[in-house]
Protein backbone atom coordinates (compact mmCIF):
# COMPACT_ATOMS: atom_id res chain seq x y z
CA MET A 1 -19.30 8.20 -33.26
CA ASN A 2 -17.97 5.05 -31.59
CA ILE A 3 -16.53 5.96 -28.18
CA ARG A 4 -14.08 3.47 -26.77
CA LYS A 5 -12.51 5.63 -24.05
CA LEU A 6 -13.40 8.67 -21.95
CA SER A 7 -10.47 10.69 -20.58
CA ILE A 8 -11.26 12.22 -17.18
CA ILE A 9 -9.04 15.23 -16.42
CA ILE A 10 -8.60 15.91 -12.68
CA PRO A 11 -6.63 19.05 -11.73
CA ALA A 12 -5.54 18.95 -8.09
CA TYR A 13 -4.11 21.55 -5.74
CA ASN A 14 -3.91 20.84 -2.00
CA GLU A 15 -6.61 18.16 -2.09
CA ALA A 16 -4.81 15.52 0.00
CA PRO A 17 -7.67 15.00 2.51
CA THR A 18 -10.35 14.32 -0.14
CA ILE A 19 -8.75 13.25 -3.40
CA HIS A 20 -9.02 9.55 -2.55
CA LEU A 21 -12.75 10.03 -1.99
CA ILE A 22 -13.37 11.50 -5.44
CA LEU A 23 -11.18 8.82 -7.02
CA ASP A 24 -13.26 6.17 -5.26
CA LYS A 25 -16.40 7.73 -6.75
CA VAL A 26 -14.88 7.79 -10.23
CA LYS A 27 -13.75 4.19 -9.80
CA MET A 28 -17.30 3.09 -9.03
CA VAL A 29 -18.77 4.57 -12.21
CA VAL A 30 -19.69 2.09 -14.93
CA LEU A 31 -19.88 3.99 -18.20
CA ALA A 32 -22.58 3.26 -20.76
CA GLU A 33 -21.89 1.00 -23.74
CA GLY A 34 -18.71 -0.39 -22.22
CA ILE A 35 -16.75 2.86 -22.52
CA GLU A 36 -13.39 2.67 -20.76
CA LYS A 37 -12.07 5.31 -18.36
CA GLU A 38 -8.69 7.02 -18.52
CA LEU A 39 -7.95 9.12 -15.42
CA ILE A 40 -5.42 11.90 -15.88
CA ILE A 41 -4.55 13.59 -12.58
CA VAL A 42 -2.50 16.79 -12.74
CA ASN A 43 -0.97 17.93 -9.45
CA ASP A 44 -0.41 21.69 -9.73
CA ALA A 45 2.56 21.82 -7.31
CA SER A 46 0.49 21.22 -4.18
CA THR A 47 2.11 22.21 -0.88
CA ASP A 48 0.38 19.46 1.09
CA ASP A 49 0.51 15.66 0.67
CA THR A 50 -1.59 15.52 -2.51
CA SER A 51 1.25 13.93 -4.49
CA GLN A 52 1.80 11.12 -2.01
CA ALA A 53 -1.95 10.59 -1.60
CA VAL A 54 -2.31 10.06 -5.35
CA ARG A 55 0.72 7.76 -5.51
CA ASN A 56 -0.65 5.69 -2.64
CA TYR A 57 -3.98 5.43 -4.42
CA ILE A 58 -2.37 4.30 -7.67
CA THR A 59 -0.42 1.62 -5.80
CA ALA A 60 -3.58 0.40 -4.07
CA ASN A 61 -5.60 0.34 -7.32
CA PRO A 62 -3.34 -1.13 -10.01
CA SER A 63 -6.28 -2.10 -12.24
CA LEU A 64 -7.33 1.54 -12.74
CA ASN A 65 -5.99 3.35 -15.80
CA ILE A 66 -4.47 6.35 -13.99
CA ARG A 67 -1.85 8.70 -15.38
CA PHE A 68 -0.28 11.07 -12.86
CA LEU A 69 1.35 14.31 -14.01
CA GLU A 70 2.92 17.01 -11.85
CA HIS A 71 3.83 20.67 -12.31
CA ALA A 72 7.12 21.81 -10.81
CA THR A 73 5.57 25.17 -9.88
CA ASN A 74 2.01 26.23 -9.17
CA GLN A 75 0.45 27.63 -12.35
CA GLY A 76 -3.31 27.53 -11.74
CA LYS A 77 -6.28 25.29 -12.52
CA GLY A 78 -6.38 26.31 -16.18
CA ALA A 79 -2.73 25.38 -16.65
CA ALA A 80 -3.35 21.99 -15.05
CA LEU A 81 -6.25 21.47 -17.44
CA HIS A 82 -4.07 22.41 -20.42
CA THR A 83 -1.59 19.72 -19.40
CA GLY A 84 -4.26 17.08 -18.95
CA ILE A 85 -6.10 17.95 -22.16
CA GLN A 86 -3.00 17.58 -24.29
CA GLU A 87 -2.29 14.17 -22.76
CA ALA A 88 -5.81 12.77 -23.26
CA THR A 89 -6.15 9.77 -25.55
CA GLY A 90 -9.92 9.14 -25.32
CA GLU A 91 -12.29 10.19 -28.10
CA TYR A 92 -13.99 12.47 -25.55
CA LEU A 93 -12.68 14.07 -22.37
CA LEU A 94 -14.40 15.30 -19.23
CA ILE A 95 -13.25 17.73 -16.55
CA GLN A 96 -13.60 16.59 -12.95
CA ASP A 97 -12.57 18.72 -9.96
CA ALA A 98 -10.69 16.92 -7.19
CA ASP A 99 -13.14 18.07 -4.51
CA LEU A 100 -16.57 16.57 -3.80
CA GLU A 101 -18.81 19.27 -5.32
CA TYR A 102 -19.78 17.24 -8.40
CA ASP A 103 -21.06 13.66 -8.62
CA PRO A 104 -19.24 11.28 -11.00
CA MET A 105 -22.34 9.06 -11.04
CA GLU A 106 -23.73 11.62 -13.49
CA TYR A 107 -21.11 10.93 -16.17
CA ASN A 108 -23.62 8.87 -18.12
CA ASP A 109 -26.08 11.80 -18.07
CA LEU A 110 -23.40 13.93 -19.70
CA LEU A 111 -22.69 11.20 -22.25
CA LYS A 112 -26.33 10.78 -23.32
CA PRO A 113 -26.35 13.65 -25.86
CA VAL A 114 -23.13 12.27 -27.32
CA LEU A 115 -24.41 8.70 -27.60
CA LYS A 116 -27.84 9.75 -28.88
CA ALA A 117 -27.14 12.83 -30.98
CA ASP A 118 -23.39 12.80 -31.58
CA ALA A 119 -22.87 16.04 -29.64
CA ASP A 120 -19.42 17.61 -29.69
CA VAL A 121 -19.67 19.42 -26.34
CA VAL A 122 -21.87 18.88 -23.27
CA TYR A 123 -22.06 21.23 -20.27
CA GLY A 124 -23.48 20.07 -16.94
CA SER A 125 -25.68 22.85 -15.56
CA ARG A 126 -26.15 23.42 -11.83
CA PHE A 127 -29.11 25.69 -12.57
CA MET A 128 -31.45 23.33 -14.41
CA GLY A 129 -33.10 19.99 -13.69
CA SER A 130 -34.43 18.46 -10.48
CA ASN A 131 -31.20 17.04 -9.04
CA PRO A 132 -30.13 18.14 -5.53
CA HIS A 133 -28.21 21.41 -5.13
CA ARG A 134 -26.62 22.60 -1.90
CA ILE A 135 -27.84 26.09 -0.95
CA LEU A 136 -24.87 28.46 -0.64
CA PHE A 137 -23.68 31.97 -1.50
CA PHE A 138 -26.41 34.20 -3.00
CA TRP A 139 -23.92 36.65 -4.53
CA HIS A 140 -21.75 33.84 -5.87
CA THR A 141 -24.81 32.46 -7.70
CA ILE A 142 -25.73 35.89 -9.04
CA GLY A 143 -22.14 36.32 -10.23
CA ASN A 144 -22.20 32.97 -12.03
CA LYS A 145 -25.46 33.80 -13.78
CA PHE A 146 -24.20 37.26 -14.76
CA LEU A 147 -21.01 35.82 -16.25
CA THR A 148 -23.03 33.23 -18.16
CA PHE A 149 -25.38 35.95 -19.46
CA LEU A 150 -22.45 38.10 -20.55
CA CYS A 151 -20.74 35.17 -22.27
CA ASN A 152 -23.98 34.22 -24.04
CA MET A 153 -24.33 37.77 -25.39
CA PHE A 154 -21.08 37.53 -27.29
CA THR A 155 -21.18 33.85 -28.29
CA ASN A 156 -24.89 33.68 -29.24
CA LEU A 157 -25.27 30.62 -27.02
CA ASN A 158 -28.07 30.08 -24.48
CA LEU A 159 -26.16 28.29 -21.74
CA THR A 160 -27.44 28.42 -18.16
CA ASP A 161 -24.08 27.65 -16.48
CA MET A 162 -20.91 28.64 -18.30
CA GLU A 163 -18.83 28.40 -15.11
CA THR A 164 -19.65 24.75 -14.40
CA CYS A 165 -16.82 22.30 -13.81
CA TYR A 166 -18.52 19.49 -15.73
CA LYS A 167 -17.64 20.04 -19.36
CA LEU A 168 -17.43 17.17 -21.84
CA PHE A 169 -15.56 17.77 -25.12
CA ARG A 170 -14.75 15.88 -28.27
CA THR A 171 -11.03 15.52 -27.65
CA GLU A 172 -9.82 16.43 -31.11
CA LEU A 173 -11.77 19.69 -30.99
CA ILE A 174 -10.43 20.97 -27.68
CA GLN A 175 -6.91 19.78 -28.44
CA GLY A 176 -7.12 21.91 -31.59
CA LEU A 177 -7.77 25.10 -29.61
CA GLU A 178 -4.98 27.42 -28.51
CA LEU A 179 -5.78 27.99 -24.83
CA HIS A 180 -3.97 30.57 -22.70
CA GLU A 181 -5.82 31.16 -19.43
CA LYS A 182 -4.01 29.52 -16.52
CA ARG A 183 -6.56 30.08 -13.75
CA PHE A 184 -10.36 30.20 -13.70
CA GLY A 185 -10.38 32.22 -16.93
CA PHE A 186 -10.28 28.82 -18.61
CA GLU A 187 -14.09 28.61 -18.47
CA PRO A 188 -14.97 31.70 -20.55
CA GLU A 189 -12.00 31.24 -22.85
CA VAL A 190 -12.84 27.66 -23.80
CA THR A 191 -16.54 28.53 -24.14
CA CYS A 192 -15.91 31.50 -26.43
CA LYS A 193 -13.43 29.64 -28.60
CA MET A 194 -15.49 26.45 -28.79
CA SER A 195 -18.56 28.46 -29.87
CA ARG A 196 -16.65 29.74 -32.92
CA ILE A 197 -15.94 26.27 -34.35
CA PRO A 198 -18.09 25.91 -37.49
CA GLY A 199 -20.91 23.41 -37.01
CA VAL A 200 -20.06 22.62 -33.38
CA ARG A 201 -22.94 20.95 -31.51
CA ILE A 202 -23.18 22.09 -27.89
CA TYR A 203 -25.65 20.53 -25.44
CA GLU A 204 -26.46 21.11 -21.78
CA VAL A 205 -27.85 18.72 -19.13
CA GLY A 206 -28.90 19.29 -15.53
CA ILE A 207 -26.58 18.01 -12.80
CA SER A 208 -26.52 18.02 -9.01
CA TYR A 209 -24.17 20.23 -6.99
CA TYR A 210 -22.71 19.71 -3.52
CA GLY A 211 -20.87 23.00 -3.11
CA ARG A 212 -18.15 23.66 -0.54
CA THR A 213 -17.80 26.69 1.72
CA TYR A 214 -14.51 28.57 1.81
CA ASP A 215 -13.76 26.94 5.16
CA GLU A 216 -14.21 23.58 3.43
CA GLY A 217 -11.70 24.47 0.74
CA LYS A 218 -13.47 26.46 -1.98
CA LYS A 219 -10.84 28.48 -3.86
CA ILE A 220 -12.58 30.77 -6.38
CA GLY A 221 -13.04 34.42 -5.34
CA TRP A 222 -14.17 37.82 -6.63
CA LYS A 223 -10.85 38.44 -8.38
CA ASP A 224 -11.50 35.34 -10.50
CA GLY A 225 -14.89 36.83 -11.41
CA MET A 226 -13.23 40.03 -12.61
CA ARG A 227 -10.78 37.97 -14.65
CA ALA A 228 -13.70 36.09 -16.19
CA ILE A 229 -15.24 39.39 -17.36
CA TYR A 230 -11.89 40.36 -18.87
CA CYS A 231 -11.71 37.00 -20.66
CA ILE A 232 -15.25 37.32 -22.03
CA VAL A 233 -14.30 40.70 -23.52
CA LYS A 234 -10.96 39.40 -24.78
CA TYR A 235 -12.14 36.15 -26.36
CA GLY A 236 -15.84 36.90 -26.94
CA VAL A 237 -15.85 40.55 -28.04
CA LEU A 238 -12.33 41.08 -29.40
CA ARG A 239 -12.17 37.42 -30.50
CA VAL A 240 -8.50 37.04 -29.63
CA LYS A 241 -7.18 33.68 -30.78
């Protein structure tokens, strides 16, 4: 498949201190085979200066293809992703968090299975490969691996990191899904529903991970883990559309 444009979906909530840093990193990336970048930033009703920080960045970087969308009320990361996904115009789209936990310089690693094998979906795994990984949170890691194991049981996939941020999708496929989860339940929902598409080709590549502590702004908690289990049962076992 000829890829002319990659849409990069960036949900943002109270990321004013760091969002310019991640946008600088995305700006520096040169995609393989001349692929263009479309940045779609969705501000989920931040209570800090995220909105102004993004507007200032757009003004200072007029050559970048940035589209800025805002929610009137806070709805959750999943809802911000829904908004960005529906607005994407690239042949493929990629999810990028607004923090600094993931390295945009690895976009081309995620694109390799697409460019070589015409993959439909590529997950970036924090639990495989030799790239650097910050050491944090034993129980958080165990929880991630348990959720991935549970999701694999009911999707017949063999992913190592279902909860990863870095997910690359063929745009027409994900835009064709009916997605409901407005918070971190997005991850199991989209994985379960994507796995049911006939003939879908899902790949996984190793990525690095520079995790944040909760003091540094990490937002996911144990309640989100319980919601993920609920979503795996709902969309993986009961196969709710």
